[in-house]
Amino acid sequence: MTNRRNFLKTTALATAGVAFQAFKGKSEETEININSGKVNKPIVLSTWNFGLQANEAAWEVLKNKGRALDAVEAGVKIPEGDPNERSVGYGGRPDRDGRVTLDACIMDEFSNIGSVACLEHIKHPISVARMVMEKTPHVMLVGDGALQFALSQGFQKENLLLEASEKEWKEWLKTSEYLPKANIENHDTIGMIALDAQGNLSGACTTSGMAFKMHGRVGDSPIIGAGLYVDNEIGAATATGHGEEVIRITGCHLVVELMRQGKSPQKACEEAVMRIVKLTQNRGKNLKNIQVGFIALNKKGEYGSYCVQGGFNYAVHDATGNKLIDANYFLK
């Protein structure tokens, strides 16, 4: 929890020239698991330390030669259903109107996709997203339409605004200052990508988004190509952090395309983050107020991660066990 709470901890910002030189000097560093020849499968990656528990659920599917799609759905449902996780699913913080709205998407090895956004009253939006993928001719449903569809598929309507979240919201109403802070309490995501024993990839991403956001705000998490992307020939990527910045560069599609060009998952994540760094600086914005983290996995079972600021970690589960890794980052 400590690492997560320090996700966007302010760090000293060097000048742009010095910082970019520091990045170049570290360009050969890597934190990925390099495999020569043999494919490391099955394997599952997920964002944050709650990814450890999510990975365990996914691994139950993967170790029995189950499909990666089933694994990622089962995995992300763990934090979705946990009332103590205040930024994913049940227990998520509300928007400025006191309404808990959830976003999620899912993608399989055949490029089938499903997504829901601004969904209320349903504990597991990832499963609704899968139903959108499998039961409709569409790829995204939003708001009341998403809720109507979920209810028609047998999902139960529930109150997702827990007492603790309601108390925080009422406290926020005293000032109603919409100044999204770069910290873990304000926004978070569970993103998960997996490679199964058959060598197929899938991914899932789910969140309640920024606390006290404008009603109707949607970040990157339910947007295929932004918060999640899977190409079964190449690899998969998912993101966490400020969704607006990820959308700006269609981040996860970019990561996968960089892997297509021959870059390792680590290098692909680094280059995507540097794209965000450059655009942020070009727009005259303070980089210390921005955080984005990517994780990526290729068809060999190699993986990597990179983020703007320190504090982001991710969980990896393969045949050697389940572990939490602190991602490398740009701002030192």
Protein backbone atom coordinates (compact mmCIF):
# COMPACT_ATOMS: atom_id res chain seq x y z
CA MET A 1 0.00 0.00 0.00
CA THR A 2 2.93 2.33 0.71
CA ASN A 3 4.21 2.16 -2.85
CA ARG A 4 0.72 2.75 -4.22
CA ARG A 5 0.14 5.72 -1.94
CA ASN A 6 3.41 7.22 -3.20
CA PHE A 7 2.40 6.63 -6.83
CA LEU A 8 2.62 10.30 -7.76
CA LYS A 9 4.87 11.59 -5.00
CA THR A 10 6.45 14.84 -6.06
CA THR A 11 10.11 14.51 -7.04
CA ALA A 12 12.73 17.04 -7.98
CA LEU A 13 12.41 17.95 -11.66
CA ALA A 14 15.64 18.46 -13.56
CA THR A 15 15.76 20.62 -16.65
CA ALA A 16 14.41 19.01 -19.77
CA GLY A 17 17.82 18.73 -21.40
CA VAL A 18 19.44 17.10 -18.40
CA ALA A 19 16.49 14.80 -17.88
CA PHE A 20 16.47 13.60 -21.47
CA GLN A 21 20.21 12.97 -21.32
CA ALA A 22 19.69 10.97 -18.13
CA PHE A 23 17.04 8.93 -19.88
CA LYS A 24 19.33 8.26 -22.83
CA GLY A 25 22.07 7.21 -20.48
CA LYS A 26 19.71 4.63 -18.99
CA SER A 27 18.36 3.44 -22.33
CA GLU A 28 20.21 0.17 -22.11
CA GLU A 29 18.88 -0.62 -18.66
CA THR A 30 16.11 -3.16 -18.47
CA GLU A 31 13.90 -4.73 -15.86
CA ILE A 32 12.30 -7.33 -18.10
CA ASN A 33 12.60 -11.06 -17.97
CA ILE A 34 14.68 -11.95 -21.02
CA ASN A 35 14.13 -15.43 -22.36
CA SER A 36 16.34 -16.87 -25.08
CA GLY A 37 14.53 -19.34 -27.27
CA LYS A 38 11.97 -20.84 -24.91
CA VAL A 39 8.67 -19.00 -24.55
CA ASN A 40 7.80 -18.10 -20.97
CA LYS A 41 4.19 -19.24 -20.78
CA PRO A 42 1.76 -19.10 -19.20
CA ILE A 43 2.32 -15.70 -17.62
CA VAL A 44 0.13 -12.88 -16.32
CA LEU A 45 0.92 -9.26 -15.46
CA SER A 46 -1.24 -6.73 -13.64
CA THR A 47 -0.92 -3.22 -12.28
CA TRP A 48 -0.32 -2.34 -8.63
CA ASN A 49 0.11 -4.45 -5.53
CA PHE A 50 -3.51 -5.58 -5.60
CA GLY A 51 -2.37 -7.29 -8.77
CA LEU A 52 -0.77 -9.98 -6.63
CA GLN A 53 -4.14 -11.26 -5.47
CA ALA A 54 -5.66 -10.70 -8.90
CA ASN A 55 -2.82 -12.71 -10.45
CA GLU A 56 -3.54 -15.63 -8.15
CA ALA A 57 -7.08 -15.85 -9.47
CA ALA A 58 -5.87 -15.58 -13.05
CA TRP A 59 -3.20 -18.21 -12.45
CA GLU A 60 -5.82 -20.73 -11.36
CA VAL A 61 -7.13 -20.55 -14.92
CA LEU A 62 -3.77 -20.41 -16.65
CA LYS A 63 -2.11 -23.29 -14.79
CA ASN A 64 -4.92 -25.57 -15.91
CA LYS A 65 -4.34 -24.61 -19.55
CA GLY A 66 -7.29 -22.24 -19.52
CA ARG A 67 -7.81 -19.42 -21.94
CA ALA A 68 -6.10 -16.07 -21.28
CA LEU A 69 -9.45 -14.31 -21.74
CA ASP A 70 -11.01 -16.27 -18.88
CA ALA A 71 -7.92 -15.64 -16.77
CA VAL A 72 -7.93 -11.86 -17.10
CA GLU A 73 -11.65 -11.61 -16.41
CA ALA A 74 -11.33 -13.77 -13.29
CA GLY A 75 -8.28 -11.82 -12.16
CA VAL A 76 -9.61 -8.27 -12.36
CA LYS A 77 -12.88 -9.28 -10.72
CA ILE A 78 -10.94 -9.66 -7.45
CA PRO A 79 -10.25 -5.92 -6.92
CA GLU A 80 -13.57 -5.05 -8.60
CA GLY A 81 -15.42 -6.88 -5.85
CA ASP A 82 -13.25 -5.68 -2.96
CA PRO A 83 -14.89 -2.81 -1.01
CA ASN A 84 -11.49 -1.86 0.40
CA GLU A 85 -10.15 -0.99 -3.05
CA ARG A 86 -11.38 2.55 -3.34
CA SER A 87 -10.78 3.16 -7.03
CA VAL A 88 -11.94 -0.04 -8.72
CA GLY A 89 -15.48 -1.42 -8.86
CA TYR A 90 -17.41 -1.93 -5.63
CA GLY A 91 -16.17 0.67 -3.16
CA GLY A 92 -14.92 3.07 -5.82
CA ARG A 93 -15.11 6.78 -5.06
CA PRO A 94 -17.97 8.75 -6.64
CA ASP A 95 -18.00 11.60 -9.11
CA ARG A 96 -18.80 15.18 -8.06
CA ASP A 97 -22.52 14.32 -8.05
CA GLY A 98 -22.04 11.42 -5.64
CA ARG A 99 -22.52 8.75 -8.31
CA VAL A 100 -20.14 5.81 -8.66
CA THR A 101 -19.52 5.28 -12.37
CA LEU A 102 -17.36 2.45 -13.66
CA ASP A 103 -15.41 1.87 -16.85
CA ALA A 104 -13.96 -1.38 -18.23
CA CYS A 105 -12.84 -3.09 -21.41
CA ILE A 106 -11.68 -6.53 -22.48
CA MET A 107 -9.91 -7.88 -25.59
CA ASP A 108 -9.12 -11.43 -26.72
CA GLU A 109 -6.71 -13.14 -29.09
CA PHE A 110 -9.04 -12.71 -32.07
CA SER A 111 -9.30 -8.92 -31.62
CA ASN A 112 -12.81 -9.29 -30.26
CA ILE A 113 -13.45 -6.33 -27.98
CA GLY A 114 -16.06 -5.17 -25.50
CA SER A 115 -16.32 -2.06 -23.36
CA VAL A 116 -18.59 -0.20 -20.96
CA ALA A 117 -18.25 3.36 -19.71
CA CYS A 118 -20.04 5.44 -17.08
CA LEU A 119 -21.80 2.29 -15.87
CA GLU A 120 -23.62 2.54 -12.53
CA HIS A 121 -24.95 -0.02 -10.03
CA ILE A 122 -23.06 -3.06 -11.38
CA LYS A 123 -20.26 -4.52 -9.28
CA HIS A 124 -18.35 -6.24 -12.10
CA PRO A 125 -18.19 -4.00 -15.19
CA ILE A 126 -15.54 -6.26 -16.74
CA SER A 127 -18.08 -9.05 -17.08
CA VAL A 128 -20.57 -6.66 -18.66
CA ALA A 129 -17.84 -5.61 -21.11
CA ARG A 130 -17.33 -9.25 -22.01
CA MET A 131 -21.06 -9.65 -22.59
CA VAL A 132 -20.98 -6.61 -24.89
CA MET A 133 -18.20 -8.37 -26.81
CA GLU A 134 -19.95 -11.72 -27.02
CA LYS A 135 -23.66 -10.87 -27.12
CA THR A 136 -23.96 -7.66 -29.16
CA PRO A 137 -22.84 -6.33 -32.54
CA HIS A 138 -21.27 -3.36 -30.75
CA VAL A 139 -17.99 -2.78 -28.95
CA MET A 140 -19.00 -0.13 -26.39
CA LEU A 141 -22.09 0.69 -24.37
CA VAL A 142 -22.30 3.67 -22.02
CA GLY A 143 -24.41 5.10 -19.22
CA ASP A 144 -28.04 4.05 -18.98
CA GLY A 145 -27.73 1.91 -22.09
CA ALA A 146 -24.94 -0.09 -20.52
CA LEU A 147 -26.98 -0.53 -17.34
CA GLN A 148 -30.07 -1.65 -19.26
CA PHE A 149 -28.01 -4.18 -21.15
CA ALA A 150 -26.39 -5.49 -17.96
CA LEU A 151 -29.77 -5.97 -16.28
CA SER A 152 -31.08 -7.77 -19.37
CA GLN A 153 -28.16 -10.20 -19.05
CA GLY A 154 -28.98 -11.06 -15.44
CA PHE A 155 -26.60 -8.74 -13.59
CA GLN A 156 -27.93 -7.47 -10.27
CA LYS A 157 -28.39 -3.79 -9.54
CA GLU A 158 -26.56 -2.75 -6.38
CA ASN A 159 -25.66 0.36 -4.42
CA LEU A 160 -21.96 0.89 -5.02
CA LEU A 161 -21.59 4.04 -2.89
CA LEU A 162 -20.20 2.76 0.38
CA GLU A 163 -20.36 4.70 3.61
CA ALA A 164 -16.67 5.64 3.60
CA SER A 165 -16.85 6.96 0.04
CA GLU A 166 -20.03 8.90 0.75
CA LYS A 167 -18.41 10.50 3.77
CA GLU A 168 -15.40 11.60 1.70
CA TRP A 169 -17.67 12.98 -1.00
CA LYS A 170 -19.70 15.04 1.49
CA GLU A 171 -16.46 16.40 2.91
CA TRP A 172 -15.32 17.33 -0.60
CA LEU A 173 -18.62 19.17 -1.20
CA LYS A 174 -17.65 21.72 1.43
CA THR A 175 -15.19 23.25 -1.01
CA SER A 176 -16.09 21.48 -4.28
CA GLU A 177 -12.63 22.22 -5.60
CA TYR A 178 -12.07 20.18 -8.71
CA LEU A 179 -8.31 20.01 -8.54
CA PRO A 180 -7.43 16.41 -9.38
CA LYS A 181 -4.32 15.56 -7.43
CA ALA A 182 -1.69 13.24 -8.71
CA ASN A 183 -2.05 10.56 -6.10
CA ILE A 184 -3.31 7.05 -5.67
CA GLU A 185 -6.35 8.01 -3.65
CA ASN A 186 -7.70 9.98 -6.60
CA HIS A 187 -7.47 7.48 -9.44
CA ASP A 188 -6.28 3.98 -10.05
CA THR A 189 -6.80 1.08 -12.41
CA ILE A 190 -6.39 -2.67 -12.49
CA GLY A 191 -5.02 -3.56 -15.90
CA MET A 192 -4.14 -7.20 -16.63
CA ILE A 193 -2.54 -8.91 -19.63
CA ALA A 194 -1.86 -12.63 -19.99
CA LEU A 195 -0.25 -15.20 -22.27
CA ASP A 196 -1.77 -18.66 -21.91
CA ALA A 197 -0.29 -22.15 -22.41
CA GLN A 198 -1.54 -22.16 -26.01
CA GLY A 199 0.45 -19.01 -26.71
CA ASN A 200 -2.57 -16.69 -26.96
CA LEU A 201 -2.90 -13.23 -25.44
CA SER A 202 -5.80 -11.37 -23.84
CA GLY A 203 -6.24 -8.34 -21.62
CA ALA A 204 -8.67 -6.55 -19.31
CA CYS A 205 -8.82 -3.12 -17.71
CA THR A 206 -11.28 -1.74 -15.14
CA THR A 207 -11.59 1.34 -12.92
CA SER A 208 -13.88 3.79 -11.18
CA GLY A 209 -11.79 6.64 -12.55
CA MET A 210 -10.89 9.90 -10.88
CA ALA A 211 -12.56 10.71 -7.60
CA PHE A 212 -15.00 13.64 -7.82
CA LYS A 213 -14.66 13.81 -11.61
CA MET A 214 -17.30 15.56 -13.67
CA HIS A 215 -20.26 13.28 -14.21
CA GLY A 216 -19.79 11.58 -17.54
CA ARG A 217 -16.01 11.83 -17.55
CA VAL A 218 -14.38 8.81 -19.16
CA GLY A 219 -10.66 8.10 -19.02
CA ASP A 220 -8.49 5.69 -20.96
CA SER A 221 -9.47 2.46 -19.21
CA PRO A 222 -12.48 1.48 -21.36
CA ILE A 223 -10.93 2.70 -24.62
CA ILE A 224 -9.35 0.00 -26.74
CA GLY A 225 -5.98 1.29 -27.94
CA ALA A 226 -5.63 3.71 -25.05
CA GLY A 227 -5.94 1.84 -21.73
CA LEU A 228 -5.57 -1.62 -23.29
CA TYR A 229 -4.49 -3.23 -26.54
CA VAL A 230 -3.83 -6.80 -27.61
CA ASP A 231 -2.33 -8.05 -30.87
CA ASN A 232 -1.99 -11.80 -30.77
CA GLU A 233 0.85 -11.73 -33.29
CA ILE A 234 2.93 -9.27 -31.28
CA GLY A 235 1.99 -8.59 -27.67
CA ALA A 236 -0.26 -6.72 -25.27
CA ALA A 237 -0.12 -3.60 -23.11
CA THR A 238 -2.21 -1.85 -20.48
CA ALA A 239 -1.92 1.47 -18.67
CA THR A 240 -2.66 3.24 -15.40
CA GLY A 241 -2.51 6.86 -14.30
CA HIS A 242 -3.90 10.04 -15.84
CA GLY A 243 -6.22 8.72 -18.51
CA GLU A 244 -6.29 11.96 -20.47
CA GLU A 245 -2.55 11.68 -21.09
CA VAL A 246 -2.82 8.04 -22.19
CA ILE A 247 -5.65 8.86 -24.60
CA ARG A 248 -3.60 11.72 -26.03
CA ILE A 249 -1.08 9.26 -27.48
CA THR A 250 -3.35 6.18 -27.78
CA GLY A 251 -0.79 4.75 -25.43
CA CYS A 252 -1.26 1.00 -25.40
CA HIS A 253 -1.67 0.74 -29.16
CA LEU A 254 1.57 2.71 -29.43
CA VAL A 255 3.37 0.30 -27.09
CA VAL A 256 2.23 -2.70 -29.11
CA GLU A 257 3.18 -1.06 -32.41
CA LEU A 258 6.64 -0.30 -31.04
CA MET A 259 6.99 -3.99 -30.15
CA ARG A 260 5.93 -4.78 -33.73
CA GLN A 261 8.88 -2.70 -34.88
CA GLY A 262 11.16 -4.99 -32.90
CA LYS A 263 11.47 -3.18 -29.60
CA SER A 264 11.36 -5.15 -26.36
CA PRO A 265 8.39 -4.61 -24.05
CA GLN A 266 10.64 -2.53 -21.82
CA LYS A 267 11.86 -0.27 -24.61
CA ALA A 268 8.34 0.11 -25.97
CA CYS A 269 7.04 1.26 -22.58
CA GLU A 270 9.94 3.68 -22.23
CA GLU A 271 9.34 5.23 -25.64
CA ALA A 272 5.62 5.66 -24.97
CA VAL A 273 6.33 7.42 -21.67
CA MET A 274 8.82 9.69 -23.39
CA ARG A 275 6.14 10.61 -25.90
CA ILE A 276 3.99 11.77 -22.97
CA VAL A 277 6.93 13.61 -21.42
CA LYS A 278 7.63 15.48 -24.66
CA LEU A 279 4.00 16.44 -25.29
CA THR A 280 3.54 17.56 -21.69
CA GLN A 281 6.57 19.81 -21.87
CA ASN A 282 5.58 21.14 -25.30
CA ARG A 283 2.22 22.13 -23.87
CA GLY A 284 3.90 24.00 -21.04
CA LYS A 285 2.47 21.71 -18.37
CA ASN A 286 4.23 20.75 -15.16
CA LEU A 287 5.47 17.20 -15.54
CA LYS A 288 5.40 16.73 -11.77
CA ASN A 289 1.60 16.76 -11.92
CA ILE A 290 1.46 13.95 -14.47
CA GLN A 291 1.70 10.20 -13.95
CA VAL A 292 1.27 7.38 -16.40
CA GLY A 293 2.55 3.82 -16.13
CA PHE A 294 2.57 1.12 -18.81
CA ILE A 295 3.10 -2.62 -18.59
CA ALA A 296 3.69 -4.76 -21.67
CA LEU A 297 4.06 -8.42 -22.60
CA ASN A 298 5.17 -9.98 -25.87
CA LYS A 299 4.60 -13.37 -27.47
CA LYS A 300 7.84 -14.72 -26.00
CA GLY A 301 6.65 -14.03 -22.48
CA GLU A 302 9.07 -11.13 -22.09
CA TYR A 303 7.69 -8.18 -20.16
CA GLY A 304 8.51 -4.65 -19.13
CA SER A 305 7.20 -1.48 -17.56
CA TYR A 306 7.97 2.21 -17.32
CA CYS A 307 6.29 5.28 -15.81
CA VAL A 308 6.69 9.02 -15.50
CA GLN A 309 7.27 9.19 -11.75
CA GLY A 310 8.34 6.71 -9.11
CA GLY A 311 5.87 4.77 -7.00
CA PHE A 312 4.21 2.54 -9.59
CA ASN A 313 4.54 -1.22 -9.22
CA TYR A 314 3.16 -4.22 -11.01
CA ALA A 315 2.71 -7.93 -10.34
CA VAL A 316 4.01 -10.81 -12.45
CA HIS A 317 3.00 -14.46 -12.10
CA ASP A 318 4.63 -17.24 -14.11
CA ALA A 319 5.83 -20.76 -13.35
CA THR A 320 8.45 -19.35 -10.94
CA GLY A 321 5.83 -17.72 -8.73
CA ASN A 322 4.07 -14.40 -8.10
CA LYS A 323 6.10 -11.26 -7.46
CA LEU A 324 5.74 -7.50 -7.21
CA ILE A 325 8.15 -5.30 -9.19
CA ASP A 326 8.83 -1.58 -8.78
CA ALA A 327 8.75 -0.04 -12.24
CA ASN A 328 11.60 2.12 -13.46
CA TYR A 329 10.66 5.74 -14.11
CA PHE A 330 11.67 8.96 -15.82
CA LEU A 331 11.68 11.63 -13.11
CA LYS A 332 14.56 11.02 -10.73
